[in-house]
Amino acid sequence: MKLKPIKDKKKITALFEKGRVINGKNISIRALEHQDNTPGYVISVPKKNFPLAVNRNLIKRRLRAGLADLSIDNHKLSLFLIYISKEIISGLDLKKELTDLVRDID
């Protein structure tokens, strides 16, 4: 099943407040397992670190591509991805780090 973006403010707030935190080198993940909801994701790239929208969108596209390759089908996980690095990282490095961090969640 494909992960879909979470749009509901209440779900995003619950995910941010109650989610389990896993920190990586470039990405911080907050994960929350729901019993009734479908899995989803939220991506955040701080404007403070990347003032240009072009760069923020590039990072978001790379993170979405990395999420598409993950298989989280057996869990009802919702993920809040926060990009914490100060520089733009290649897509392959982001995919590798995402897979490692999601493996740590299980």
PDB file of N, CA and C in Angstrom:
ATOM      1  N   MET A   1       0.838  -1.172   0.000  1.00  0.00           N
ATOM      2  CA  MET A   1       0.000   0.000   0.000  1.00  0.00           C
ATOM      3  C   MET A   1       0.890   1.245   0.000  1.00  0.00           C
ATOM      4  N   LYS A   2       0.501   2.213  -0.795  1.00  0.00           N
ATOM      5  CA  LYS A   2       1.286   3.427  -0.930  1.00  0.00           C
ATOM      6  C   LYS A   2       1.000   4.382   0.231  1.00  0.00           C
ATOM      7  N   LEU A   3       2.047   4.979   0.742  1.00  0.00           N
ATOM      8  CA  LEU A   3       1.879   5.984   1.794  1.00  0.00           C
ATOM      9  C   LEU A   3       1.289   7.251   1.197  1.00  0.00           C
ATOM     10  N   LYS A   4       0.347   7.838   1.906  1.00  0.00           N
ATOM     11  CA  LYS A   4      -0.281   9.070   1.444  1.00  0.00           C
ATOM     12  C   LYS A   4       0.042  10.187   2.424  1.00  0.00           C
ATOM     13  N   PRO A   5       0.127  11.419   1.932  1.00  0.00           N
ATOM     14  CA  PRO A   5       0.403  12.530   2.845  1.00  0.00           C
ATOM     15  C   PRO A   5      -0.760  12.752   3.809  1.00  0.00           C
ATOM     16  N   ILE A   6      -0.418  13.119   5.033  1.00  0.00           N
ATOM     17  CA  ILE A   6      -1.430  13.414   6.050  1.00  0.00           C
ATOM     18  C   ILE A   6      -1.768  14.896   5.954  1.00  0.00           C
ATOM     19  N   LYS A   7      -3.061  15.204   5.852  1.00  0.00           N
ATOM     20  CA  LYS A   7      -3.506  16.594   5.721  1.00  0.00           C
ATOM     21  C   LYS A   7      -4.238  17.096   6.968  1.00  0.00           C
ATOM     22  N   ASP A   8      -4.748  16.176   7.775  1.00  0.00           N
ATOM     23  CA  ASP A   8      -5.553  16.529   8.939  1.00  0.00           C
ATOM     24  C   ASP A   8      -4.679  17.115  10.053  1.00  0.00           C
ATOM     25  N   LYS A   9      -5.018  18.324  10.493  1.00  0.00           N
ATOM     26  CA  LYS A   9      -4.221  19.008  11.520  1.00  0.00           C
ATOM     27  C   LYS A   9      -4.196  18.236  12.840  1.00  0.00           C
ATOM     28  N   LYS A  10      -5.306  17.594  13.202  1.00  0.00           N
ATOM     29  CA  LYS A  10      -5.354  16.848  14.463  1.00  0.00           C
ATOM     30  C   LYS A  10      -4.418  15.647  14.415  1.00  0.00           C
ATOM     31  N   LYS A  11      -4.373  14.967  13.286  1.00  0.00           N
ATOM     32  CA  LYS A  11      -3.483  13.816  13.146  1.00  0.00           C
ATOM     33  C   LYS A  11      -2.027  14.255  13.176  1.00  0.00           C
ATOM     34  N   ILE A  12      -1.735  15.387  12.533  1.00  0.00           N
ATOM     35  CA  ILE A  12      -0.366  15.901  12.514  1.00  0.00           C
ATOM     36  C   ILE A  12       0.064  16.295  13.928  1.00  0.00           C
ATOM     37  N   THR A  13      -0.820  16.952  14.669  1.00  0.00           N
ATOM     38  CA  THR A  13      -0.508  17.351  16.040  1.00  0.00           C
ATOM     39  C   THR A  13      -0.289  16.135  16.929  1.00  0.00           C
ATOM     40  N   ALA A  14      -1.159  15.133  16.795  1.00  0.00           N
ATOM     41  CA  ALA A  14      -1.006  13.912  17.594  1.00  0.00           C
ATOM     42  C   ALA A  14       0.295  13.202  17.248  1.00  0.00           C
ATOM     43  N   LEU A  15       0.624  13.160  15.978  1.00  0.00           N
ATOM     44  CA  LEU A  15       1.859  12.521  15.529  1.00  0.00           C
ATOM     45  C   LEU A  15       3.076  13.242  16.096  1.00  0.00           C
ATOM     46  N   PHE A  16       3.042  14.570  16.092  1.00  0.00           N
ATOM     47  CA  PHE A  16       4.178  15.344  16.586  1.00  0.00           C
ATOM     48  C   PHE A  16       4.315  15.237  18.104  1.00  0.00           C
ATOM     49  N   GLU A  17       3.201  15.215  18.824  1.00  0.00           N
ATOM     50  CA  GLU A  17       3.256  15.192  20.288  1.00  0.00           C
ATOM     51  C   GLU A  17       3.481  13.795  20.860  1.00  0.00           C
ATOM     52  N   LYS A  18       2.835  12.781  20.287  1.00  0.00           N
ATOM     53  CA  LYS A  18       2.876  11.439  20.865  1.00  0.00           C
ATOM     54  C   LYS A  18       3.832  10.493  20.152  1.00  0.00           C
ATOM     55  N   GLY A  19       4.378  10.931  19.036  1.00  0.00           N
ATOM     56  CA  GLY A  19       5.221  10.046  18.240  1.00  0.00           C
ATOM     57  C   GLY A  19       6.565   9.756  18.880  1.00  0.00           C
ATOM     58  N   ARG A  20       7.072   8.581  18.578  1.00  0.00           N
ATOM     59  CA  ARG A  20       8.393   8.165  19.052  1.00  0.00           C
ATOM     60  C   ARG A  20       9.463   8.815  18.171  1.00  0.00           C
ATOM     61  N   VAL A  21      10.507   9.364  18.772  1.00  0.00           N
ATOM     62  CA  VAL A  21      11.526  10.114  18.033  1.00  0.00           C
ATOM     63  C   VAL A  21      12.732   9.232  17.751  1.00  0.00           C
ATOM     64  N   ILE A  22      13.138   9.221  16.480  1.00  0.00           N
ATOM     65  CA  ILE A  22      14.365   8.546  16.065  1.00  0.00           C
ATOM     66  C   ILE A  22      15.188   9.580  15.300  1.00  0.00           C
ATOM     67  N   ASN A  23      16.371   9.882  15.813  1.00  0.00           N
ATOM     68  CA  ASN A  23      17.226  10.884  15.187  1.00  0.00           C
ATOM     69  C   ASN A  23      18.307  10.222  14.357  1.00  0.00           C
ATOM     70  N   GLY A  24      18.502  10.760  13.168  1.00  0.00           N
ATOM     71  CA  GLY A  24      19.581  10.325  12.304  1.00  0.00           C
ATOM     72  C   GLY A  24      20.546  11.470  12.094  1.00  0.00           C
ATOM     73  N   LYS A  25      21.450  11.288  11.170  1.00  0.00           N
ATOM     74  CA  LYS A  25      22.440  12.323  10.893  1.00  0.00           C
ATOM     75  C   LYS A  25      21.801  13.521  10.180  1.00  0.00           C
ATOM     76  N   ASN A  26      20.928  13.248   9.209  1.00  0.00           N
ATOM     77  CA  ASN A  26      20.315  14.311   8.415  1.00  0.00           C
ATOM     78  C   ASN A  26      18.803  14.416   8.588  1.00  0.00           C
ATOM     79  N   ILE A  27      18.187  13.376   9.131  1.00  0.00           N
ATOM     80  CA  ILE A  27      16.731  13.311   9.234  1.00  0.00           C
ATOM     81  C   ILE A  27      16.339  12.920  10.654  1.00  0.00           C
ATOM     82  N   SER A  28      15.286  13.552  11.144  1.00  0.00           N
ATOM     83  CA  SER A  28      14.673  13.142  12.402  1.00  0.00           C
ATOM     84  C   SER A  28      13.276  12.632  12.072  1.00  0.00           C
ATOM     85  N   ILE A  29      12.916  11.475  12.628  1.00  0.00           N
ATOM     86  CA  ILE A  29      11.613  10.877  12.340  1.00  0.00           C
ATOM     87  C   ILE A  29      10.820  10.770  13.632  1.00  0.00           C
ATOM     88  N   ARG A  30       9.561  11.157  13.559  1.00  0.00           N
ATOM     89  CA  ARG A  30       8.604  10.889  14.629  1.00  0.00           C
ATOM     90  C   ARG A  30       7.626   9.882  14.062  1.00  0.00           C
ATOM     91  N   ALA A  31       7.518   8.737  14.712  1.00  0.00           N
ATOM     92  CA  ALA A  31       6.665   7.657  14.220  1.00  0.00           C
ATOM     93  C   ALA A  31       5.604   7.329  15.254  1.00  0.00           C
ATOM     94  N   LEU A  32       4.400   7.122  14.776  1.00  0.00           N
ATOM     95  CA  LEU A  32       3.285   6.760  15.639  1.00  0.00           C
ATOM     96  C   LEU A  32       2.494   5.660  14.954  1.00  0.00           C
ATOM     97  N   GLU A  33       2.208   4.602  15.700  1.00  0.00           N
ATOM     98  CA  GLU A  33       1.464   3.481  15.131  1.00  0.00           C
ATOM     99  C   GLU A  33      -0.005   3.622  15.501  1.00  0.00           C
ATOM    100  N   HIS A  34      -0.851   3.677  14.466  1.00  0.00           N
ATOM    101  CA  HIS A  34      -2.296   3.786  14.654  1.00  0.00           C
ATOM    102  C   HIS A  34      -2.936   2.436  14.389  1.00  0.00           C
ATOM    103  N   GLN A  35      -3.975   2.127  15.130  1.00  0.00           N
ATOM    104  CA  GLN A  35      -4.698   0.878  14.899  1.00  0.00           C
ATOM    105  C   GLN A  35      -5.783   1.055  13.840  1.00  0.00           C
ATOM    106  N   ASP A  36      -6.394   2.234  13.784  1.00  0.00           N
ATOM    107  CA  ASP A  36      -7.532   2.421  12.896  1.00  0.00           C
ATOM    108  C   ASP A  36      -7.214   3.220  11.636  1.00  0.00           C
ATOM    109  N   ASN A  37      -6.178   4.005  11.645  1.00  0.00           N
ATOM    110  CA  ASN A  37      -5.873   4.877  10.516  1.00  0.00           C
ATOM    111  C   ASN A  37      -4.976   4.195   9.494  1.00  0.00           C
ATOM    112  N   THR A  38      -5.026   4.704   8.289  1.00  0.00           N
ATOM    113  CA  THR A  38      -4.124   4.218   7.256  1.00  0.00           C
ATOM    114  C   THR A  38      -2.776   4.903   7.429  1.00  0.00           C
ATOM    115  N   PRO A  39      -1.701   4.268   6.995  1.00  0.00           N
ATOM    116  CA  PRO A  39      -0.384   4.886   7.147  1.00  0.00           C
ATOM    117  C   PRO A  39      -0.255   6.150   6.296  1.00  0.00           C
ATOM    118  N   GLY A  40       0.564   7.075   6.785  1.00  0.00           N
ATOM    119  CA  GLY A  40       0.767   8.318   6.062  1.00  0.00           C
ATOM    120  C   GLY A  40       2.072   8.968   6.479  1.00  0.00           C
ATOM    121  N   TYR A  41       2.340  10.140   5.897  1.00  0.00           N
ATOM    122  CA  TYR A  41       3.588  10.834   6.199  1.00  0.00           C
ATOM    123  C   TYR A  41       3.390  12.338   6.133  1.00  0.00           C
ATOM    124  N   VAL A  42       4.291  13.049   6.812  1.00  0.00           N
ATOM    125  CA  VAL A  42       4.400  14.502   6.750  1.00  0.00           C
ATOM    126  C   VAL A  42       5.879  14.804   6.592  1.00  0.00           C
ATOM    127  N   ILE A  43       6.217  15.733   5.704  1.00  0.00           N
ATOM    128  CA  ILE A  43       7.615  16.117   5.493  1.00  0.00           C
ATOM    129  C   ILE A  43       7.771  17.591   5.843  1.00  0.00           C
ATOM    130  N   SER A  44       8.795  17.897   6.635  1.00  0.00           N
ATOM    131  CA  SER A  44       9.063  19.272   7.028  1.00  0.00           C
ATOM    132  C   SER A  44      10.527  19.609   6.751  1.00  0.00           C
ATOM    133  N   VAL A  45      10.730  20.697   6.014  1.00  0.00           N
ATOM    134  CA  VAL A  45      12.076  21.218   5.769  1.00  0.00           C
ATOM    135  C   VAL A  45      12.063  22.666   6.259  1.00  0.00           C
ATOM    136  N   PRO A  46      12.820  22.984   7.316  1.00  0.00           N
ATOM    137  CA  PRO A  46      12.750  24.318   7.916  1.00  0.00           C
ATOM    138  C   PRO A  46      13.189  25.439   6.972  1.00  0.00           C
ATOM    139  N   LYS A  47      12.391  26.488   6.961  1.00  0.00           N
ATOM    140  CA  LYS A  47      12.700  27.667   6.159  1.00  0.00           C
ATOM    141  C   LYS A  47      13.932  28.382   6.709  1.00  0.00           C
ATOM    142  N   LYS A  48      14.192  28.209   7.992  1.00  0.00           N
ATOM    143  CA  LYS A  48      15.357  28.824   8.628  1.00  0.00           C
ATOM    144  C   LYS A  48      16.656  28.303   8.010  1.00  0.00           C
ATOM    145  N   ASN A  49      16.687  26.993   7.701  1.00  0.00           N
ATOM    146  CA  ASN A  49      17.898  26.395   7.139  1.00  0.00           C
ATOM    147  C   ASN A  49      17.995  26.578   5.631  1.00  0.00           C
ATOM    148  N   PHE A  50      16.843  26.626   4.948  1.00  0.00           N
ATOM    149  CA  PHE A  50      16.816  26.748   3.491  1.00  0.00           C
ATOM    150  C   PHE A  50      15.826  27.837   3.100  1.00  0.00           C
ATOM    151  N   PRO A  51      16.295  29.086   3.004  1.00  0.00           N
ATOM    152  CA  PRO A  51      15.385  30.186   2.708  1.00  0.00           C
ATOM    153  C   PRO A  51      14.773  30.120   1.306  1.00  0.00           C
ATOM    154  N   LEU A  52      15.457  29.477   0.357  1.00  0.00           N
ATOM    155  CA  LEU A  52      14.927  29.388  -1.001  1.00  0.00           C
ATOM    156  C   LEU A  52      13.952  28.217  -1.120  1.00  0.00           C
ATOM    157  N   ALA A  53      12.763  28.507  -1.628  1.00  0.00           N
ATOM    158  CA  ALA A  53      11.737  27.467  -1.779  1.00  0.00           C
ATOM    159  C   ALA A  53      12.183  26.382  -2.754  1.00  0.00           C
ATOM    160  N   VAL A  54      12.992  26.739  -3.725  1.00  0.00           N
ATOM    161  CA  VAL A  54      13.483  25.760  -4.701  1.00  0.00           C
ATOM    162  C   VAL A  54      14.264  24.654  -3.995  1.00  0.00           C
ATOM    163  N   ASN A  55      15.110  25.032  -3.054  1.00  0.00           N
ATOM    164  CA  ASN A  55      15.905  24.045  -2.321  1.00  0.00           C
ATOM    165  C   ASN A  55      15.038  23.205  -1.385  1.00  0.00           C
ATOM    166  N   ARG A  56      14.073  23.837  -0.716  1.00  0.00           N
ATOM    167  CA  ARG A  56      13.170  23.079   0.157  1.00  0.00           C
ATOM    168  C   ARG A  56      12.374  22.054  -0.643  1.00  0.00           C
ATOM    169  N   ASN A  57      11.877  22.466  -1.804  1.00  0.00           N
ATOM    170  CA  ASN A  57      11.101  21.550  -2.639  1.00  0.00           C
ATOM    171  C   ASN A  57      11.957  20.409  -3.176  1.00  0.00           C
ATOM    172  N   LEU A  58      13.210  20.680  -3.496  1.00  0.00           N
ATOM    173  CA  LEU A  58      14.125  19.635  -3.961  1.00  0.00           C
ATOM    174  C   LEU A  58      14.301  18.566  -2.882  1.00  0.00           C
ATOM    175  N   ILE A  59      14.510  19.006  -1.658  1.00  0.00           N
ATOM    176  CA  ILE A  59      14.693  18.062  -0.548  1.00  0.00           C
ATOM    177  C   ILE A  59      13.411  17.263  -0.315  1.00  0.00           C
ATOM    178  N   LYS A  60      12.262  17.929  -0.372  1.00  0.00           N
ATOM    179  CA  LYS A  60      10.989  17.226  -0.186  1.00  0.00           C
ATOM    180  C   LYS A  60      10.772  16.175  -1.270  1.00  0.00           C
ATOM    181  N   ARG A  61      11.095  16.504  -2.517  1.00  0.00           N
ATOM    182  CA  ARG A  61      10.959  15.525  -3.608  1.00  0.00           C
ATOM    183  C   ARG A  61      11.852  14.327  -3.373  1.00  0.00           C
ATOM    184  N   ARG A  62      13.069  14.568  -2.929  1.00  0.00           N
ATOM    185  CA  ARG A  62      13.998  13.460  -2.668  1.00  0.00           C
ATOM    186  C   ARG A  62      13.513  12.587  -1.512  1.00  0.00           C
ATOM    187  N   LEU A  63      12.966  13.204  -0.476  1.00  0.00           N
ATOM    188  CA  LEU A  63      12.438  12.429   0.649  1.00  0.00           C
ATOM    189  C   LEU A  63      11.215  11.615   0.228  1.00  0.00           C
ATOM    190  N   ARG A  64      10.335  12.207  -0.592  1.00  0.00           N
ATOM    191  CA  ARG A  64       9.168  11.471  -1.084  1.00  0.00           C
ATOM    192  C   ARG A  64       9.581  10.283  -1.935  1.00  0.00           C
ATOM    193  N   ALA A  65      10.615  10.465  -2.756  1.00  0.00           N
ATOM    194  CA  ALA A  65      11.112   9.357  -3.576  1.00  0.00           C
ATOM    195  C   ALA A  65      11.677   8.248  -2.692  1.00  0.00           C
ATOM    196  N   GLY A  66      12.350   8.616  -1.625  1.00  0.00           N
ATOM    197  CA  GLY A  66      12.871   7.620  -0.694  1.00  0.00           C
ATOM    198  C   GLY A  66      11.766   6.882   0.033  1.00  0.00           C
ATOM    199  N   LEU A  67      10.693   7.589   0.372  1.00  0.00           N
ATOM    200  CA  LEU A  67       9.553   6.949   1.034  1.00  0.00           C
ATOM    201  C   LEU A  67       8.822   5.991   0.104  1.00  0.00           C
ATOM    202  N   ALA A  68       8.788   6.312  -1.177  1.00  0.00           N
ATOM    203  CA  ALA A  68       8.082   5.455  -2.136  1.00  0.00           C
ATOM    204  C   ALA A  68       8.743   4.087  -2.241  1.00  0.00           C
ATOM    205  N   ASP A  69      10.044   4.022  -2.023  1.00  0.00           N
ATOM    206  CA  ASP A  69      10.773   2.759  -2.125  1.00  0.00           C
ATOM    207  C   ASP A  69      10.663   1.904  -0.866  1.00  0.00           C
ATOM    208  N   LEU A  70      10.243   2.499   0.244  1.00  0.00           N
ATOM    209  CA  LEU A  70      10.141   1.751   1.500  1.00  0.00           C
ATOM    210  C   LEU A  70       8.906   0.865   1.503  1.00  0.00           C
ATOM    211  N   SER A  71       8.998  -0.233   2.224  1.00  0.00           N
ATOM    212  CA  SER A  71       7.820  -1.084   2.398  1.00  0.00           C
ATOM    213  C   SER A  71       7.419  -1.069   3.870  1.00  0.00           C
ATOM    214  N   ILE A  72       6.358  -0.349   4.163  1.00  0.00           N
ATOM    215  CA  ILE A  72       5.842  -0.250   5.524  1.00  0.00           C
ATOM    216  C   ILE A  72       4.431  -0.839   5.538  1.00  0.00           C
ATOM    217  N   ASP A  73       4.179  -1.821   4.677  1.00  0.00           N
ATOM    218  CA  ASP A  73       2.830  -2.341   4.488  1.00  0.00           C
ATOM    219  C   ASP A  73       2.288  -3.050   5.713  1.00  0.00           C
ATOM    220  N   ASN A  74       3.142  -3.761   6.436  1.00  0.00           N
ATOM    221  CA  ASN A  74       2.648  -4.563   7.551  1.00  0.00           C
ATOM    222  C   ASN A  74       2.346  -3.737   8.796  1.00  0.00           C
ATOM    223  N   HIS A  75       2.733  -2.481   8.825  1.00  0.00           N
ATOM    224  CA  HIS A  75       2.489  -1.622   9.985  1.00  0.00           C
ATOM    225  C   HIS A  75       1.543  -0.495   9.596  1.00  0.00           C
ATOM    226  N   LYS A  76       0.854   0.022  10.572  1.00  0.00           N
ATOM    227  CA  LYS A  76       0.016   1.202  10.369  1.00  0.00           C
ATOM    228  C   LYS A  76       0.779   2.406  10.907  1.00  0.00           C
ATOM    229  N   LEU A  77       1.962   2.633  10.363  1.00  0.00           N
ATOM    230  CA  LEU A  77       2.829   3.702  10.847  1.00  0.00           C
ATOM    231  C   LEU A  77       2.531   5.014  10.144  1.00  0.00           C
ATOM    232  N   SER A  78       2.503   6.071  10.920  1.00  0.00           N
ATOM    233  CA  SER A  78       2.488   7.413  10.377  1.00  0.00           C
ATOM    234  C   SER A  78       3.837   8.031  10.701  1.00  0.00           C
ATOM    235  N   LEU A  79       4.440   8.674   9.716  1.00  0.00           N
ATOM    236  CA  LEU A  79       5.788   9.220   9.874  1.00  0.00           C
ATOM    237  C   LEU A  79       5.777  10.733   9.718  1.00  0.00           C
ATOM    238  N   PHE A  80       6.514  11.409  10.586  1.00  0.00           N
ATOM    239  CA  PHE A  80       6.744  12.846  10.474  1.00  0.00           C
ATOM    240  C   PHE A  80       8.241  13.004  10.244  1.00  0.00           C
ATOM    241  N   LEU A  81       8.628  13.344   9.023  1.00  0.00           N
ATOM    242  CA  LEU A  81      10.040  13.479   8.663  1.00  0.00           C
ATOM    243  C   LEU A  81      10.455  14.938   8.773  1.00  0.00           C
ATOM    244  N   ILE A  82      11.500  15.191   9.536  1.00  0.00           N
ATOM    245  CA  ILE A  82      12.042  16.540   9.678  1.00  0.00           C
ATOM    246  C   ILE A  82      13.481  16.511   9.181  1.00  0.00           C
ATOM    247  N   TYR A  83      13.756  17.327   8.187  1.00  0.00           N
ATOM    248  CA  TYR A  83      15.097  17.397   7.621  1.00  0.00           C
ATOM    249  C   TYR A  83      15.921  18.334   8.493  1.00  0.00           C
ATOM    250  N   ILE A  84      16.973  17.808   9.156  1.00  0.00           N
ATOM    251  CA  ILE A  84      17.713  18.610  10.133  1.00  0.00           C
ATOM    252  C   ILE A  84      19.100  19.031   9.655  1.00  0.00           C
ATOM    253  N   SER A  85      19.529  18.547   8.510  1.00  0.00           N
ATOM    254  CA  SER A  85      20.850  18.900   8.002  1.00  0.00           C
ATOM    255  C   SER A  85      20.848  20.342   7.497  1.00  0.00           C
ATOM    256  N   LYS A  86      22.006  20.961   7.487  1.00  0.00           N
ATOM    257  CA  LYS A  86      22.134  22.340   7.015  1.00  0.00           C
ATOM    258  C   LYS A  86      22.485  22.419   5.530  1.00  0.00           C
ATOM    259  N   GLU A  87      22.794  21.274   4.916  1.00  0.00           N
ATOM    260  CA  GLU A  87      23.162  21.266   3.503  1.00  0.00           C
ATOM    261  C   GLU A  87      22.315  20.249   2.745  1.00  0.00           C
ATOM    262  N   ILE A  88      22.291  20.391   1.438  1.00  0.00           N
ATOM    263  CA  ILE A  88      21.491  19.506   0.595  1.00  0.00           C
ATOM    264  C   ILE A  88      22.259  18.206   0.376  1.00  0.00           C
ATOM    265  N   ILE A  89      21.613  17.087   0.692  1.00  0.00           N
ATOM    266  CA  ILE A  89      22.212  15.757   0.599  1.00  0.00           C
ATOM    267  C   ILE A  89      21.670  15.063  -0.651  1.00  0.00           C
ATOM    268  N   SER A  90      22.467  14.190  -1.248  1.00  0.00           N
ATOM    269  CA  SER A  90      22.035  13.481  -2.456  1.00  0.00           C
ATOM    270  C   SER A  90      20.878  12.536  -2.144  1.00  0.00           C
ATOM    271  N   GLY A  91      20.116  12.218  -3.175  1.00  0.00           N
ATOM    272  CA  GLY A  91      18.957  11.350  -3.017  1.00  0.00           C
ATOM    273  C   GLY A  91      19.315   9.957  -2.543  1.00  0.00           C
ATOM    274  N   LEU A  92      20.425   9.411  -3.019  1.00  0.00           N
ATOM    275  CA  LEU A  92      20.833   8.067  -2.612  1.00  0.00           C
ATOM    276  C   LEU A  92      21.172   8.013  -1.125  1.00  0.00           C
ATOM    277  N   ASP A  93      21.863   9.036  -0.639  1.00  0.00           N
ATOM    278  CA  ASP A  93      22.196   9.080   0.789  1.00  0.00           C
ATOM    279  C   ASP A  93      20.938   9.207   1.650  1.00  0.00           C
ATOM    280  N   LEU A  94      19.971  10.006   1.175  1.00  0.00           N
ATOM    281  CA  LEU A  94      18.724  10.153   1.920  1.00  0.00           C
ATOM    282  C   LEU A  94      17.946   8.842   1.963  1.00  0.00           C
ATOM    283  N   LYS A  95      17.897   8.119   0.835  1.00  0.00           N
ATOM    284  CA  LYS A  95      17.196   6.829   0.799  1.00  0.00           C
ATOM    285  C   LYS A  95      17.834   5.838   1.759  1.00  0.00           C
ATOM    286  N   LYS A  96      19.171   5.815   1.766  1.00  0.00           N
ATOM    287  CA  LYS A  96      19.883   4.888   2.650  1.00  0.00           C
ATOM    288  C   LYS A  96      19.589   5.210   4.115  1.00  0.00           C
ATOM    289  N   GLU A  97      19.643   6.489   4.453  1.00  0.00           N
ATOM    290  CA  GLU A  97      19.378   6.883   5.836  1.00  0.00           C
ATOM    291  C   GLU A  97      17.921   6.613   6.230  1.00  0.00           C
ATOM    292  N   LEU A  98      16.994   6.856   5.311  1.00  0.00           N
ATOM    293  CA  LEU A  98      15.584   6.577   5.592  1.00  0.00           C
ATOM    294  C   LEU A  98      15.348   5.102   5.873  1.00  0.00           C
ATOM    295  N   THR A  99      15.936   4.234   5.057  1.00  0.00           N
ATOM    296  CA  THR A  99      15.744   2.795   5.273  1.00  0.00           C
ATOM    297  C   THR A  99      16.337   2.364   6.614  1.00  0.00           C
ATOM    298  N   ASP A 100      17.492   2.914   6.967  1.00  0.00           N
ATOM    299  CA  ASP A 100      18.103   2.577   8.256  1.00  0.00           C
ATOM    300  C   ASP A 100      17.232   3.043   9.428  1.00  0.00           C
ATOM    301  N   LEU A 101      16.704   4.256   9.334  1.00  0.00           N
ATOM    302  CA  LEU A 101      15.890   4.796  10.424  1.00  0.00           C
ATOM    303  C   LEU A 101      14.561   4.056  10.557  1.00  0.00           C
ATOM    304  N   VAL A 102      13.942   3.715   9.433  1.00  0.00           N
ATOM    305  CA  VAL A 102      12.670   2.989   9.495  1.00  0.00           C
ATOM    306  C   VAL A 102      12.895   1.583  10.027  1.00  0.00           C
ATOM    307  N   ARG A 103      14.034   0.994   9.712  1.00  0.00           N
ATOM    308  CA  ARG A 103      14.370  -0.322  10.261  1.00  0.00           C
ATOM    309  C   ARG A 103      14.524  -0.230  11.782  1.00  0.00           C
ATOM    310  N   ASP A 104      15.040   0.895  12.286  1.00  0.00           N
ATOM    311  CA  ASP A 104      15.187   1.088  13.731  1.00  0.00           C
ATOM    312  C   ASP A 104      13.839   1.214  14.438  1.00  0.00           C
ATOM    313  N   ILE A 105      12.819   1.666  13.723  1.00  0.00           N
ATOM    314  CA  ILE A 105      11.488   1.809  14.317  1.00  0.00           C
ATOM    315  C   ILE A 105      10.939   0.447  14.697  1.00  0.00           C
ATOM    316  N   ASP A 106      11.141  -0.542  13.827  1.00  0.00           N
ATOM    317  CA  ASP A 106      10.608  -1.896  14.072  1.00  0.00           C
ATOM    318  C   ASP A 106      11.350  -2.545  15.175  1.00  0.00           C
TER     319      ASP A 106
END
